[in-house]
Amino acid sequence: MKTRAFTVLVAVGSFAAGAGASLLIRSGTSQPQAAHPAGVEISSHGGTGFAGTDASTASATDQAPQAGSINDRVARIMQEHDSQRRMGKLFALTDGITAANAREAIDAIRKLGSAQEKTWMVNLVLSAWAKEDPKAAMDYAGSLPKGRERTQALLGALGGWARRDLAAAQQWADAQTGSIKRDAQMQIINAVAESDPDRALAMMQASPQGRNNFVPYAIFGQWTDKDPAAAAQRVTALPAGNLRNQAISIVAQQWAQKDVGAAMAWMQGMPLNQQRTQVMGNILNTWVNQDSAAAYNWLGTLPEGSERTRIINQMSYQLANDDPQSAVGFANLMSPGNSQDNFVRNIASSMAGNDPAAARAWAAQITDPKMQDTVWSGIISGIAQNDPSAAASLALSLKEGSIRTNAISNLVSQWSGSNPQAAAQWTMQLTVENERNNAISTVASNWANNDPQGALQWVNTLPAGAGRDRAMENMSYQIVESDPLGAIRLVSTLGDEKNRERRIVNVVNNWMRNDPTAAQQWINQSTLSDDAKKQILRYR
């Protein structure tokens, strides 16, 4: 099953895997050449046949198939709504593909399903067909209209042909040019990897056509599936470089699907570096999906410190979203710092989005003020994603102090990014001056990012004071690069004279770096004090 999957996925041109390998065959892929090596010829309808073989007697596929058998099975499979189950059933269907029913199967598949499913499934059938009758399969693929579908069909059939007669398939691949030659060589290497992965690896390293991100996955993915320990041993013998790094990731992730403990133990024997931490984080994610308690217990055996924190951090985002209740325990294993804070905030946000009551109950149990601040910030953020007004009411219900102030600040930052008018209206209802001034500044800054004029109109309606001044300052930072004169006009309205001149100096200094001539002209005619002009010239 897996061998056919590798063959077809190379042909179709995309494969989602834990290692992240993928190949994209573009619509402009070169077409096979008309000229072929000795012993191989083009049939009358454009397929690739074998010299000396009569097409009329080459295969039983020309005979009428048993009516209804394949058609009925395909129709029933395509009624399956679950895409993964449907794919599994389609793979199972090919176990019964023979030269006698392959054409009927393709005809049935082409009538049903999505375009993507039809493409890879047809190529899967072609691969199975070519292992029994390569001439008929290649002729069928070659008879398709020129373009991406024909190219992929030929590559699918080539994979099966290579498993029946590697030398002949290699001869055909060598006769091609351009991108199809590269992709054909990938199919050859993939076929060799099934029985001799070490040889396939040598072929890949020696062939420019074989150097593609998918080829290492085709080799080491199959190798690991059959003998993970042998694959791991060969990987560690590779010289340092991109191939070794990619192969380590592939083997570790594939091995983790079979034996997560063994895969993790292998990675623990690797030198301590960024890749080891990243791969161990990926393995841990697989482990959590399989057995969260066992993964947690294993983490507890690691020494407390930066590596354990980084490993957890690798899978923190997914765990926080998939299982926030379990994620709390993992967060407790991290060292205090930004990584732990971000993880806890994401947990709180995810929990609040799904079960606000549970999130609030968790926050109520926390006694550490800094952790309370982080958790409430996440809770407010999670609720605000769906109901900013509810999040605003919850924020105001908190006891006055830094936790409430930070919660309001985070809420306003999030809210003003999507609906600055509503955020601005709510901000003006705040009764605590410091909270209101901070919120005004945040709204003005975020609003100015997308709508400077709208933000300016709102700020101009504000009463004079610290809140309005901070809003003007923040807005000036947003437009200083594109409109330095506009930024100067904004900070020129600040109420405090010393602060006003200081901010003007900052804006002009920035202007001097980007357009010194225009900035100097403005300085010459400005009413800035001599001290301010000297400060600007000092930083030229």
Protein backbone atom coordinates (compact mmCIF):
# COMPACT_ATOMS: atom_id res chain seq x y z
CA MET A 1 0.00 0.00 0.00
CA LYS A 2 2.63 2.52 1.08
CA THR A 3 4.85 1.77 -1.91
CA ARG A 4 2.06 2.63 -4.34
CA ALA A 5 1.29 5.73 -2.33
CA PHE A 6 4.85 7.02 -2.69
CA THR A 7 4.82 6.29 -6.41
CA VAL A 8 1.62 8.15 -7.12
CA LEU A 9 2.26 11.06 -4.82
CA VAL A 10 5.51 11.79 -6.60
CA ALA A 11 3.58 11.75 -9.87
CA VAL A 12 0.69 13.86 -8.68
CA GLY A 13 3.11 16.35 -7.27
CA SER A 14 2.17 16.91 -3.64
CA PHE A 15 2.42 15.01 -0.40
CA ALA A 16 1.67 16.32 3.10
CA ALA A 17 3.97 14.66 5.62
CA GLY A 18 5.37 15.28 9.08
CA ALA A 19 8.68 16.22 7.51
CA GLY A 20 6.90 18.82 5.42
CA ALA A 21 8.21 17.46 2.14
CA SER A 22 6.39 18.43 -1.03
CA LEU A 23 6.77 18.58 -4.79
CA LEU A 24 4.77 20.77 -7.11
CA ILE A 25 4.58 19.82 -10.78
CA ARG A 26 3.62 23.00 -12.58
CA SER A 27 1.20 23.22 -15.47
CA GLY A 28 4.07 24.15 -17.74
CA THR A 29 5.91 20.86 -17.20
CA SER A 30 7.85 19.74 -20.27
CA GLN A 31 6.23 17.09 -22.41
CA PRO A 32 8.02 13.79 -23.16
CA GLN A 33 10.20 13.90 -26.25
CA ALA A 34 9.23 12.11 -29.43
CA ALA A 35 12.69 10.55 -29.65
CA HIS A 36 13.28 7.53 -27.40
CA PRO A 37 16.17 5.17 -26.79
CA ALA A 38 16.63 2.00 -28.76
CA GLY A 39 14.05 -0.63 -28.00
CA VAL A 40 11.36 1.90 -27.08
CA GLU A 41 8.98 3.50 -29.56
CA ILE A 42 5.99 5.84 -29.66
CA SER A 43 2.68 4.19 -30.43
CA SER A 44 0.28 5.71 -32.94
CA HIS A 45 -1.70 7.53 -30.24
CA GLY A 46 1.28 9.11 -28.48
CA GLY A 47 1.92 6.64 -25.65
CA THR A 48 5.31 5.08 -25.04
CA GLY A 49 5.39 1.47 -26.18
CA PHE A 50 8.05 -1.23 -26.62
CA ALA A 51 9.67 -1.94 -29.97
CA GLY A 52 8.58 -5.16 -31.57
CA THR A 53 5.35 -5.41 -29.56
CA ASP A 54 2.00 -5.48 -31.35
CA ALA A 55 -0.33 -3.05 -29.58
CA SER A 56 -3.37 -5.10 -30.60
CA THR A 57 -2.17 -8.14 -28.65
CA ALA A 58 -0.11 -6.51 -25.94
CA SER A 59 -2.59 -6.69 -23.11
CA ALA A 60 -5.90 -8.01 -21.93
CA THR A 61 -6.91 -4.44 -21.11
CA ASP A 62 -8.21 -4.10 -24.66
CA GLN A 63 -10.84 -6.69 -23.84
CA ALA A 64 -14.20 -5.63 -22.42
CA PRO A 65 -14.06 -5.63 -18.59
CA GLN A 66 -16.65 -7.27 -16.42
CA ALA A 67 -19.42 -4.69 -16.41
CA GLY A 68 -20.34 -3.00 -13.18
CA SER A 69 -17.85 -4.50 -10.73
CA ILE A 70 -15.34 -1.65 -10.55
CA ASN A 71 -17.93 1.03 -11.35
CA ASP A 72 -20.10 -0.07 -8.44
CA ARG A 73 -17.19 -0.17 -5.99
CA VAL A 74 -15.96 3.29 -7.00
CA ALA A 75 -19.47 4.74 -6.78
CA ARG A 76 -19.92 3.32 -3.26
CA ILE A 77 -16.54 4.63 -2.13
CA MET A 78 -17.22 8.13 -3.42
CA GLN A 79 -20.37 8.24 -1.26
CA GLU A 80 -18.10 8.21 1.82
CA HIS A 81 -18.11 11.77 3.22
CA ASP A 82 -15.07 11.39 5.47
CA SER A 83 -12.09 12.25 3.23
CA GLN A 84 -9.58 10.10 5.12
CA ARG A 85 -11.83 7.05 5.11
CA ARG A 86 -12.58 7.64 1.43
CA MET A 87 -8.88 7.81 0.62
CA GLY A 88 -8.23 4.58 2.53
CA LYS A 89 -10.95 2.79 0.63
CA LEU A 90 -9.63 4.07 -2.69
CA PHE A 91 -6.16 2.78 -1.83
CA ALA A 92 -7.67 -0.58 -0.89
CA LEU A 93 -9.51 -0.67 -4.22
CA THR A 94 -6.23 -0.80 -6.11
CA ASP A 95 -5.32 -4.11 -4.47
CA GLY A 96 -7.64 -5.66 -7.02
CA ILE A 97 -6.38 -3.73 -10.05
CA THR A 98 -5.17 -5.93 -12.90
CA ALA A 99 -4.42 -5.40 -16.55
CA ALA A 100 -7.89 -6.75 -17.25
CA ASN A 101 -9.82 -4.15 -15.25
CA ALA A 102 -7.49 -1.13 -15.04
CA ARG A 103 -9.09 0.76 -17.92
CA GLU A 104 -12.56 0.24 -16.47
CA ALA A 105 -11.34 1.46 -13.08
CA ILE A 106 -9.87 4.62 -14.59
CA ASP A 107 -13.04 5.34 -16.56
CA ALA A 108 -15.10 4.96 -13.36
CA ILE A 109 -12.79 7.17 -11.32
CA ARG A 110 -12.71 9.92 -13.95
CA LYS A 111 -16.49 10.26 -13.71
CA LEU A 112 -16.55 10.84 -9.95
CA GLY A 113 -14.88 12.73 -7.15
CA SER A 114 -12.91 15.94 -6.92
CA ALA A 115 -10.31 16.87 -9.52
CA GLN A 116 -7.47 16.21 -7.07
CA GLU A 117 -8.82 12.82 -6.02
CA LYS A 118 -9.31 11.80 -9.63
CA THR A 119 -5.75 12.77 -10.52
CA TRP A 120 -3.93 10.85 -7.82
CA MET A 121 -6.31 7.89 -7.96
CA VAL A 122 -5.95 7.50 -11.74
CA ASN A 123 -2.19 7.57 -11.32
CA LEU A 124 -2.40 5.00 -8.54
CA VAL A 125 -4.28 2.68 -10.92
CA LEU A 126 -1.78 3.39 -13.70
CA SER A 127 1.09 2.44 -11.41
CA ALA A 128 -0.58 -0.86 -10.51
CA TRP A 129 -1.40 -1.46 -14.18
CA ALA A 130 2.16 -0.76 -15.32
CA LYS A 131 3.59 -3.34 -12.93
CA GLU A 132 1.64 -5.97 -14.86
CA ASP A 133 1.60 -4.45 -18.36
CA PRO A 134 3.84 -1.36 -18.64
CA LYS A 135 3.28 -0.90 -22.37
CA ALA A 136 -0.50 -0.68 -22.05
CA ALA A 137 -0.32 1.66 -19.06
CA MET A 138 2.22 3.98 -20.69
CA ASP A 139 0.28 3.96 -23.95
CA TYR A 140 -2.90 4.93 -22.10
CA ALA A 141 -1.12 7.75 -20.26
CA GLY A 142 0.47 8.96 -23.49
CA SER A 143 -2.91 9.05 -25.23
CA LEU A 144 -4.19 11.76 -22.90
CA PRO A 145 -4.18 15.36 -24.16
CA LYS A 146 -0.86 17.13 -23.72
CA GLY A 147 -0.62 19.01 -20.46
CA ARG A 148 -0.32 18.47 -16.74
CA GLU A 149 -2.73 15.52 -16.60
CA ARG A 150 -0.81 13.61 -19.26
CA THR A 151 2.55 14.34 -17.63
CA GLN A 152 1.39 13.16 -14.24
CA ALA A 153 -0.21 10.06 -15.73
CA LEU A 154 3.03 9.12 -17.48
CA LEU A 155 4.96 9.58 -14.25
CA GLY A 156 2.44 7.45 -12.35
CA ALA A 157 2.76 4.65 -14.88
CA LEU A 158 6.55 5.02 -14.90
CA GLY A 159 6.65 4.24 -11.19
CA GLY A 160 4.96 0.90 -11.74
CA TRP A 161 7.10 0.19 -14.84
CA ALA A 162 10.28 0.79 -12.83
CA ARG A 163 9.25 -1.90 -10.37
CA ARG A 164 8.79 -4.38 -13.18
CA ASP A 165 11.74 -3.45 -15.42
CA LEU A 166 14.04 -0.84 -13.89
CA ALA A 167 16.49 -0.76 -16.83
CA ALA A 168 13.77 -0.07 -19.41
CA ALA A 169 12.12 2.55 -17.24
CA GLN A 170 15.49 4.24 -16.67
CA GLN A 171 16.13 4.24 -20.42
CA TRP A 172 12.81 6.06 -20.98
CA ALA A 173 13.55 8.58 -18.23
CA ASP A 174 17.02 9.31 -19.63
CA ALA A 175 15.50 10.17 -23.02
CA GLN A 176 13.36 12.97 -21.56
CA THR A 177 14.32 16.63 -21.22
CA GLY A 178 13.54 19.49 -18.88
CA SER A 179 11.42 19.17 -15.79
CA ILE A 180 9.85 15.85 -16.80
CA LYS A 181 13.32 14.29 -16.85
CA ARG A 182 13.85 15.49 -13.29
CA ASP A 183 10.48 14.16 -12.14
CA ALA A 184 10.95 10.87 -14.00
CA GLN A 185 14.27 10.37 -12.24
CA MET A 186 12.50 10.93 -8.94
CA GLN A 187 10.14 8.09 -9.81
CA ILE A 188 13.07 5.84 -10.66
CA ILE A 189 14.80 6.62 -7.37
CA ASN A 190 11.56 6.03 -5.50
CA ALA A 191 11.19 2.62 -7.12
CA VAL A 192 14.75 1.65 -6.20
CA ALA A 193 14.22 2.87 -2.63
CA GLU A 194 11.52 0.26 -2.15
CA SER A 195 14.02 -2.61 -2.29
CA ASP A 196 17.43 -0.93 -1.95
CA PRO A 197 17.24 2.44 -0.14
CA ASP A 198 21.01 2.74 0.16
CA ARG A 199 21.35 2.49 -3.62
CA ALA A 200 18.51 4.99 -4.07
CA LEU A 201 20.33 7.40 -1.78
CA ALA A 202 23.50 7.09 -3.85
CA MET A 203 21.48 7.68 -7.03
CA MET A 204 19.92 10.78 -5.54
CA GLN A 205 23.30 12.20 -4.49
CA ALA A 206 24.78 11.53 -7.92
CA SER A 207 21.84 12.82 -10.00
CA PRO A 208 21.02 16.52 -10.41
CA GLN A 209 17.51 15.43 -11.40
CA GLY A 210 17.12 13.59 -8.11
CA ARG A 211 17.94 16.54 -5.89
CA ASN A 212 14.48 17.59 -4.85
CA ASN A 213 12.95 18.08 -1.42
CA PHE A 214 10.60 15.13 -1.92
CA VAL A 215 13.25 12.55 -2.83
CA PRO A 216 14.77 12.26 0.67
CA TYR A 217 11.29 11.68 2.01
CA ALA A 218 10.61 9.00 -0.61
CA ILE A 219 13.84 7.25 0.38
CA PHE A 220 13.96 7.65 4.13
CA GLY A 221 10.20 7.49 4.58
CA GLN A 222 10.03 4.02 3.04
CA TRP A 223 13.27 2.97 4.73
CA THR A 224 12.01 3.99 8.16
CA ASP A 225 8.70 2.27 7.56
CA LYS A 226 10.53 -1.01 6.97
CA ASP A 227 13.52 -0.73 9.31
CA PRO A 228 13.70 2.45 11.40
CA ALA A 229 16.86 1.45 13.23
CA ALA A 230 18.74 0.84 9.96
CA ALA A 231 17.45 4.10 8.50
CA ALA A 232 18.54 5.98 11.62
CA GLN A 233 21.99 4.41 11.50
CA ARG A 234 22.45 5.44 7.85
CA VAL A 235 21.28 8.98 8.54
CA THR A 236 23.79 9.50 11.31
CA ALA A 237 26.56 8.50 8.89
CA LEU A 238 25.65 11.25 6.42
CA PRO A 239 27.94 14.28 6.31
CA ALA A 240 26.73 17.44 8.00
CA GLY A 241 24.47 19.54 5.78
CA ASN A 242 20.92 20.06 4.57
CA LEU A 243 20.39 16.45 3.46
CA ARG A 244 21.39 15.08 6.86
CA ASN A 245 19.19 17.58 8.67
CA GLN A 246 16.23 16.78 6.44
CA ALA A 247 16.76 13.03 6.77
CA ILE A 248 16.93 13.26 10.57
CA SER A 249 13.57 15.01 10.64
CA ILE A 250 12.01 12.47 8.28
CA VAL A 251 13.25 9.41 10.14
CA ALA A 252 12.35 10.80 13.55
CA GLN A 253 8.83 11.74 12.55
CA GLN A 254 8.17 8.46 10.73
CA TRP A 255 9.67 6.41 13.55
CA ALA A 256 7.52 8.25 16.09
CA GLN A 257 4.43 6.93 14.32
CA LYS A 258 5.63 3.37 14.99
CA ASP A 259 7.53 3.71 18.29
CA VAL A 260 7.54 7.18 19.77
CA GLY A 261 9.77 6.20 22.69
CA ALA A 262 12.47 4.76 20.43
CA ALA A 263 12.35 7.82 18.17
CA MET A 264 12.73 10.15 21.14
CA ALA A 265 15.61 8.10 22.58
CA TRP A 266 17.40 8.29 19.22
CA MET A 267 17.03 12.05 19.09
CA GLN A 268 18.29 12.40 22.66
CA GLY A 269 21.55 10.88 21.44
CA MET A 270 21.98 13.69 18.91
CA PRO A 271 24.15 16.75 19.64
CA LEU A 272 22.36 19.47 21.54
CA ASN A 273 21.37 22.06 18.93
CA GLN A 274 18.36 23.84 17.49
CA GLN A 275 17.38 20.97 15.20
CA ARG A 276 17.40 18.43 18.02
CA THR A 277 15.07 20.64 20.04
CA GLN A 278 12.77 21.23 17.07
CA VAL A 279 12.54 17.55 16.12
CA MET A 280 12.01 16.46 19.72
CA GLY A 281 9.19 18.99 19.92
CA ASN A 282 7.60 17.44 16.83
CA ILE A 283 7.96 13.94 18.29
CA LEU A 284 6.47 15.15 21.56
CA ASN A 285 3.48 16.49 19.66
CA THR A 286 2.92 13.04 18.16
CA TRP A 287 3.33 11.49 21.61
CA VAL A 288 0.77 13.84 23.15
CA ASN A 289 -1.73 12.81 20.47
CA GLN A 290 -1.07 9.14 21.24
CA ASP A 291 -0.76 9.26 25.03
CA SER A 292 -0.74 12.66 26.71
CA ALA A 293 -0.02 11.27 30.19
CA ALA A 294 3.02 9.29 29.01
CA ALA A 295 4.38 12.32 27.16
CA TYR A 296 3.95 14.45 30.26
CA ASN A 297 5.72 11.88 32.44
CA TRP A 298 8.61 11.69 30.00
CA LEU A 299 9.01 15.46 30.03
CA GLY A 300 9.17 15.33 33.80
CA THR A 301 12.30 13.16 33.56
CA LEU A 302 14.19 15.87 31.68
CA PRO A 303 16.31 18.28 33.69
CA GLU A 304 14.54 21.55 34.37
CA GLY A 305 15.92 24.23 32.11
CA SER A 306 16.02 25.83 28.72
CA GLU A 307 15.92 22.67 26.57
CA ARG A 308 12.81 21.31 28.24
CA THR A 309 11.16 24.69 27.86
CA ARG A 310 12.12 24.92 24.18
CA ILE A 311 10.84 21.40 23.47
CA ILE A 312 7.48 22.20 25.03
CA ASN A 313 7.42 25.51 23.20
CA GLN A 314 7.70 23.65 19.87
CA MET A 315 4.29 22.08 20.36
CA SER A 316 2.71 24.65 22.65
CA TYR A 317 0.48 26.40 20.10
CA GLN A 318 -1.19 23.21 18.87
CA LEU A 319 -1.57 21.77 22.37
CA ALA A 320 -3.07 25.01 23.69
CA ASN A 321 -5.70 24.89 20.96
CA ASP A 322 -6.35 21.14 20.90
CA ASP A 323 -6.37 20.38 24.63
CA PRO A 324 -6.04 23.47 26.83
CA GLN A 325 -6.85 21.54 30.02
CA SER A 326 -3.89 19.18 29.53
CA ALA A 327 -1.72 22.03 28.31
CA VAL A 328 -1.80 23.63 31.76
CA GLY A 329 0.28 20.77 33.15
CA PHE A 330 2.85 21.08 30.38
CA ALA A 331 3.12 24.83 30.95
CA ASN A 332 4.00 24.16 34.59
CA LEU A 333 7.05 22.18 33.43
CA MET A 334 8.48 25.22 31.62
CA SER A 335 10.97 27.62 33.13
CA PRO A 336 9.54 31.05 33.97
CA GLY A 337 9.94 33.55 31.15
CA ASN A 338 8.45 34.77 27.90
CA SER A 339 7.95 31.28 26.43
CA GLN A 340 5.94 30.14 29.44
CA ASP A 341 3.97 33.40 29.52
CA ASN A 342 3.05 33.08 25.84
CA PHE A 343 2.02 29.45 26.30
CA VAL A 344 -0.14 30.25 29.32
CA ARG A 345 -1.73 33.19 27.51
CA ASN A 346 -2.57 30.95 24.52
CA ILE A 347 -4.02 28.30 26.84
CA ALA A 348 -6.20 30.87 28.58
CA SER A 349 -7.35 32.32 25.27
CA SER A 350 -8.26 28.92 23.84
CA MET A 351 -9.99 27.81 27.04
CA ALA A 352 -11.98 31.04 27.26
CA GLY A 353 -13.12 30.69 23.65
CA ASN A 354 -14.51 27.20 24.34
CA ASP A 355 -15.47 27.30 28.03
CA PRO A 356 -15.31 30.79 29.61
CA ALA A 357 -16.52 29.50 32.99
CA ALA A 358 -13.70 26.94 33.20
CA ALA A 359 -11.18 29.60 32.22
CA ARG A 360 -12.38 31.96 34.95
CA ALA A 361 -12.33 29.13 37.51
CA TRP A 362 -8.72 28.38 36.58
CA ALA A 363 -7.75 32.04 36.91
CA ALA A 364 -9.38 32.21 40.34
CA GLN A 365 -7.14 29.40 41.62
CA ILE A 366 -3.92 31.19 40.65
CA THR A 367 -2.19 33.07 43.46
CA ASP A 368 0.92 34.38 41.70
CA PRO A 369 0.18 37.98 40.60
CA LYS A 370 2.30 37.79 37.44
CA MET A 371 0.65 34.54 36.36
CA GLN A 372 -2.78 36.01 37.14
CA ASP A 373 -1.96 38.91 34.85
CA THR A 374 -0.96 36.55 32.05
CA VAL A 375 -4.00 34.31 32.42
CA TRP A 376 -6.54 37.13 32.57
CA SER A 377 -4.94 38.73 29.53
CA GLY A 378 -5.45 35.47 27.63
CA ILE A 379 -9.02 35.01 28.87
CA ILE A 380 -10.06 38.51 27.82
CA SER A 381 -8.39 37.96 24.44
CA GLY A 382 -10.15 34.62 23.89
CA ILE A 383 -13.61 36.00 24.70
CA ALA A 384 -12.98 39.14 22.63
CA GLN A 385 -12.48 37.07 19.49
CA ASN A 386 -16.21 36.33 19.42
CA ASP A 387 -17.75 38.93 21.74
CA PRO A 388 -15.68 42.08 22.46
CA SER A 389 -18.50 43.61 24.50
CA ALA A 390 -18.61 40.62 26.83
CA ALA A 391 -14.83 40.75 27.16
CA ALA A 392 -15.08 44.45 28.00
CA SER A 393 -17.62 43.79 30.76
CA LEU A 394 -15.42 41.05 32.20
CA ALA A 395 -12.35 43.30 32.14
CA LEU A 396 -14.19 46.02 34.05
CA SER A 397 -15.32 43.48 36.66
CA LEU A 398 -11.71 42.84 37.68
CA LYS A 399 -10.30 44.53 40.75
CA GLU A 400 -8.53 47.82 40.04
CA GLY A 401 -4.82 47.39 39.58
CA SER A 402 -2.18 46.19 37.15
CA ILE A 403 -4.06 43.00 36.18
CA ARG A 404 -7.15 44.95 35.17
CA THR A 405 -5.10 47.69 33.50
CA ASN A 406 -3.20 45.16 31.37
CA ALA A 407 -6.38 43.24 30.54
CA ILE A 408 -8.04 46.43 29.32
CA SER A 409 -4.96 47.37 27.31
CA ASN A 410 -4.84 43.98 25.57
CA LEU A 411 -8.57 44.06 24.90
CA VAL A 412 -8.45 47.53 23.36
CA SER A 413 -5.46 46.58 21.23
CA GLN A 414 -7.33 43.58 19.83
CA TRP A 415 -10.69 45.30 19.49
CA SER A 416 -9.38 48.45 17.79
CA GLY A 417 -7.67 46.32 15.16
CA SER A 418 -11.04 45.04 13.91
CA ASN A 419 -13.49 47.77 14.94
CA PRO A 420 -11.73 50.98 16.02
CA GLN A 421 -14.96 53.00 16.19
CA ALA A 422 -16.55 50.64 18.73
CA ALA A 423 -13.32 50.39 20.72
CA ALA A 424 -13.01 54.20 20.76
CA GLN A 425 -16.57 54.64 21.98
CA TRP A 426 -16.04 52.13 24.83
CA THR A 427 -12.68 53.67 25.72
CA MET A 428 -14.25 57.04 26.45
CA GLN A 429 -16.51 55.40 29.05
CA LEU A 430 -13.56 54.33 31.22
CA THR A 431 -13.54 56.24 34.49
CA VAL A 432 -9.98 55.48 35.69
CA GLU A 433 -7.80 58.15 34.08
CA ASN A 434 -4.69 56.03 33.55
CA GLU A 435 -6.71 53.20 31.98
CA ARG A 436 -8.54 55.65 29.72
CA ASN A 437 -5.36 57.44 28.60
CA ASN A 438 -3.62 54.15 27.81
CA ALA A 439 -6.66 52.93 25.88
CA ILE A 440 -7.00 56.18 23.91
CA SER A 441 -3.35 55.95 22.90
CA THR A 442 -3.75 52.31 21.77
CA VAL A 443 -6.92 52.97 19.76
CA ALA A 444 -5.37 55.96 18.00
CA SER A 445 -2.25 54.02 17.07
CA ASN A 446 -4.10 50.99 15.69
CA TRP A 447 -6.71 53.11 13.91
CA ALA A 448 -4.00 55.20 12.25
CA ASN A 449 -2.42 52.04 10.83
CA ASN A 450 -5.38 51.52 8.51
CA ASP A 451 -7.19 54.86 8.45
CA PRO A 452 -5.01 57.84 9.46
CA GLN A 453 -7.68 60.40 8.55
CA GLY A 454 -10.40 58.62 10.50
CA ALA A 455 -8.11 58.33 13.52
CA LEU A 456 -7.18 62.03 13.31
CA GLN A 457 -10.81 63.09 13.13
CA TRP A 458 -11.53 61.09 16.29
CA VAL A 459 -8.49 62.37 18.20
CA ASN A 460 -9.39 65.96 17.31
CA THR A 461 -12.67 65.50 19.18
CA LEU A 462 -10.88 64.55 22.39
CA PRO A 463 -10.52 67.08 25.20
CA ALA A 464 -7.05 68.51 25.78
CA GLY A 465 -4.97 66.50 28.20
CA ALA A 466 -2.59 63.60 28.61
CA GLY A 467 -4.79 61.13 26.71
CA ARG A 468 -5.06 63.33 23.63
CA ASP A 469 -1.33 64.15 23.72
CA ARG A 470 -0.33 60.48 23.88
CA ALA A 471 -2.71 59.69 21.02
CA MET A 472 -1.12 62.40 18.89
CA GLU A 473 2.35 61.09 19.69
CA ASN A 474 1.44 57.53 18.77
CA MET A 475 -0.22 58.61 15.54
CA SER A 476 2.89 60.58 14.59
CA TYR A 477 4.96 57.38 14.88
CA GLN A 478 2.62 55.66 12.44
CA ILE A 479 2.92 58.29 9.69
CA VAL A 480 6.41 59.72 10.19
CA GLU A 481 7.92 57.64 7.37
CA SER A 482 5.26 58.49 4.78
CA ASP A 483 4.27 61.99 5.92
CA PRO A 484 6.90 63.71 8.10
CA LEU A 485 5.21 67.09 7.78
CA GLY A 486 1.94 65.54 8.92
CA ALA A 487 3.74 63.96 11.89
CA ILE A 488 5.21 67.36 12.81
CA ARG A 489 1.74 68.93 12.68
CA LEU A 490 0.45 66.26 15.05
CA VAL A 491 3.13 66.66 17.72
CA SER A 492 2.98 70.45 17.37
CA THR A 493 -0.44 70.29 19.06
CA LEU A 494 0.92 68.73 22.26
CA GLY A 495 0.05 70.75 25.35
CA ASP A 496 3.37 70.47 27.20
CA GLU A 497 5.89 72.84 25.56
CA LYS A 498 9.04 70.88 26.47
CA ASN A 499 7.52 67.58 25.40
CA ARG A 500 6.24 69.21 22.19
CA GLU A 501 9.70 70.39 21.14
CA ARG A 502 11.29 67.08 22.11
CA ARG A 503 8.84 65.16 19.93
CA ILE A 504 9.35 67.53 17.01
CA VAL A 505 13.11 66.93 17.27
CA ASN A 506 12.51 63.16 17.16
CA VAL A 507 10.34 63.44 14.05
CA VAL A 508 12.82 65.71 12.24
CA ASN A 509 15.73 63.43 13.16
CA ASN A 510 13.88 60.57 11.48
CA TRP A 511 13.17 62.80 8.48
CA MET A 512 16.86 63.74 8.22
CA ARG A 513 17.78 60.05 7.82
CA ASN A 514 15.36 59.60 4.93
CA ASP A 515 15.42 62.98 3.16
CA PRO A 516 18.10 65.29 4.61
CA THR A 517 17.60 68.01 1.97
CA ALA A 518 13.87 68.48 2.63
CA ALA A 519 14.36 68.18 6.37
CA GLN A 520 17.12 70.83 6.35
CA GLN A 521 14.92 73.20 4.38
CA TRP A 522 12.18 72.83 6.99
CA ILE A 523 14.66 73.40 9.85
CA ASN A 524 15.95 76.61 8.25
CA GLN A 525 12.47 78.19 8.15
CA SER A 526 11.19 76.71 11.43
CA THR A 527 10.73 78.51 14.76
CA LEU A 528 12.54 75.79 16.71
CA SER A 529 14.85 76.98 19.43
CA ASP A 530 18.58 77.03 18.78
CA ASP A 531 19.05 74.19 21.27
CA ALA A 532 16.52 72.05 19.37
CA LYS A 533 18.24 72.74 16.04
CA LYS A 534 21.60 71.80 17.57
CA GLN A 535 20.15 68.50 18.80
CA ILE A 536 18.96 67.66 15.28
CA LEU A 537 22.30 68.57 13.68
CA ARG A 538 24.14 66.55 16.35
CA TYR A 539 22.49 63.32 15.16
CA ARG A 540 22.97 63.87 11.44
